[in-house]
Structures are given as C-alpha cells and as structure tokens.
Amino acid sequence: QKIWKGVIDLANAHLSGKSSLNTAPSNFKGELNPVEQVSHNDVVAWTETVNKLSTSSDPQVQKQLSDFFPGHKKGDVYRIPTEAEWEY
C-alpha cells in the first residue's frame, strides 16, 4: 500500500493532470499490506504511471522511485507479469 500510494502521490506532484486512481484501495489497512481492491485496469494504469515517472529528468522523482524499487535506474520499464509468469 505504501508503494501504491507513493507512486500516485508522486505522479500527482510531478506529472500534468491528477491521477484518478484511489490512493487507498484496500480493506485491510497498513502500509505493508498489499492493495487488494484494484481491477486489472487499475494495475495497468498504475504501471503506466510508474513508467511515465521513470522517464522524468527530475532527480527527486528518480530518488523516490529508487526508494520504492531498489535498483531502479532512469528509463527502466515496468510491467505486470504474464499469466504464465504469474503461475510459475
């Protein structure tokens, strides 16, 4: 939940337009708990937001992304796993 909310907050602060994604889409609150009340489309939109932020030249954005995703480098591309990858 911490990373989900953090990405949305970062996008709202550094990208044009506000994200329509819910920053707290969970019944079981706690920043270390997973988000569980999201649709496939929500996850796709969130991942696209991460990829937009990944191309930002703002060092503050890149620092925050590297805090969320250890090993992150500017321009990294993120995606959700395929069905086969998920099953594996």
Protein backbone atom coordinates (compact mmCIF):
# COMPACT_ATOMS: atom_id res chain seq x y z
CA GLN A 1 0.00 0.00 0.00
CA LYS A 2 2.92 2.33 0.72
CA ILE A 3 4.32 1.99 -2.80
CA TRP A 4 0.90 2.16 -4.48
CA LYS A 5 0.06 5.41 -2.66
CA GLY A 6 3.58 6.78 -3.06
CA VAL A 7 3.54 6.39 -6.84
CA ILE A 8 0.15 8.09 -7.12
CA ASP A 9 1.24 10.96 -4.86
CA LEU A 10 4.48 11.34 -6.84
CA ALA A 11 2.54 11.39 -10.12
CA ASN A 12 0.11 13.99 -8.79
CA ALA A 13 3.03 16.21 -7.75
CA HIS A 14 5.22 15.81 -10.84
CA LEU A 15 3.06 14.86 -13.83
CA SER A 16 0.49 17.02 -15.56
CA GLY A 17 -3.04 16.12 -14.56
CA LYS A 18 -4.18 14.34 -11.43
CA SER A 19 -4.40 10.58 -11.17
CA SER A 20 -7.91 9.20 -10.86
CA LEU A 21 -6.61 6.11 -9.05
CA ASN A 22 -7.65 5.55 -5.45
CA THR A 23 -4.66 6.04 -3.13
CA ALA A 24 -6.03 3.60 -0.53
CA PRO A 25 -7.82 0.75 -2.36
CA SER A 26 -7.69 -1.76 0.46
CA ASN A 27 -9.99 -3.17 3.11
CA PHE A 28 -7.04 -4.24 5.27
CA LYS A 29 -5.18 -1.01 6.07
CA GLY A 30 -1.47 -0.86 6.74
CA GLU A 31 1.36 0.39 4.57
CA LEU A 32 3.00 -3.04 4.47
CA ASN A 33 -0.23 -4.78 3.38
CA PRO A 34 -0.97 -5.33 -0.32
CA VAL A 35 -3.61 -3.41 -2.21
CA GLU A 36 -6.45 -5.83 -2.83
CA GLN A 37 -9.37 -3.76 -4.10
CA VAL A 38 -8.00 -2.93 -7.57
CA SER A 39 -9.01 -4.05 -11.02
CA HIS A 40 -6.73 -5.21 -13.81
CA ASN A 41 -7.27 -1.82 -15.46
CA ASP A 42 -6.22 -0.03 -12.25
CA VAL A 43 -2.98 -2.01 -12.16
CA VAL A 44 -2.29 -1.32 -15.84
CA ALA A 45 -2.90 2.43 -15.29
CA TRP A 46 -0.67 2.41 -12.18
CA THR A 47 2.12 0.64 -14.07
CA GLU A 48 1.85 3.14 -16.94
CA THR A 49 2.19 5.91 -14.35
CA VAL A 50 5.34 4.31 -12.95
CA ASN A 51 6.77 4.16 -16.49
CA LYS A 52 5.99 7.84 -17.11
CA LEU A 53 7.71 8.76 -13.84
CA SER A 54 10.68 6.55 -14.77
CA THR A 55 11.47 8.81 -17.73
CA SER A 56 11.41 12.00 -15.64
CA SER A 57 14.63 14.00 -15.52
CA ASP A 58 13.78 15.27 -12.02
CA PRO A 59 16.34 13.79 -9.60
CA GLN A 60 13.82 13.90 -6.76
CA VAL A 61 11.44 11.66 -8.74
CA GLN A 62 14.25 9.24 -9.57
CA LYS A 63 15.35 9.11 -5.91
CA GLN A 64 11.81 8.32 -4.77
CA LEU A 65 11.44 5.60 -7.43
CA SER A 66 14.73 4.03 -6.36
CA ASP A 67 13.41 4.01 -2.78
CA PHE A 68 10.26 2.19 -3.97
CA PHE A 69 12.07 -0.11 -6.43
CA PRO A 70 15.61 -0.99 -5.31
CA GLY A 71 17.97 -0.99 -8.29
CA HIS A 72 15.77 1.42 -10.26
CA LYS A 73 17.51 3.41 -12.98
CA LYS A 74 16.07 6.28 -15.02
CA GLY A 75 14.17 4.91 -18.00
CA ASP A 76 13.54 1.45 -16.54
CA VAL A 77 10.32 -0.06 -17.92
CA TYR A 78 7.95 -1.89 -15.60
CA ARG A 79 5.15 -4.32 -16.48
CA ILE A 80 2.79 -6.76 -14.85
CA PRO A 81 3.72 -10.44 -15.23
CA THR A 82 2.14 -12.55 -17.93
CA GLU A 83 -0.24 -15.33 -16.90
CA ALA A 84 2.48 -17.93 -17.40
CA GLU A 85 4.96 -15.92 -15.32
CA TRP A 86 2.38 -15.49 -12.58
CA GLU A 87 1.64 -19.22 -12.50
CA TYR A 88 5.33 -20.06 -12.36
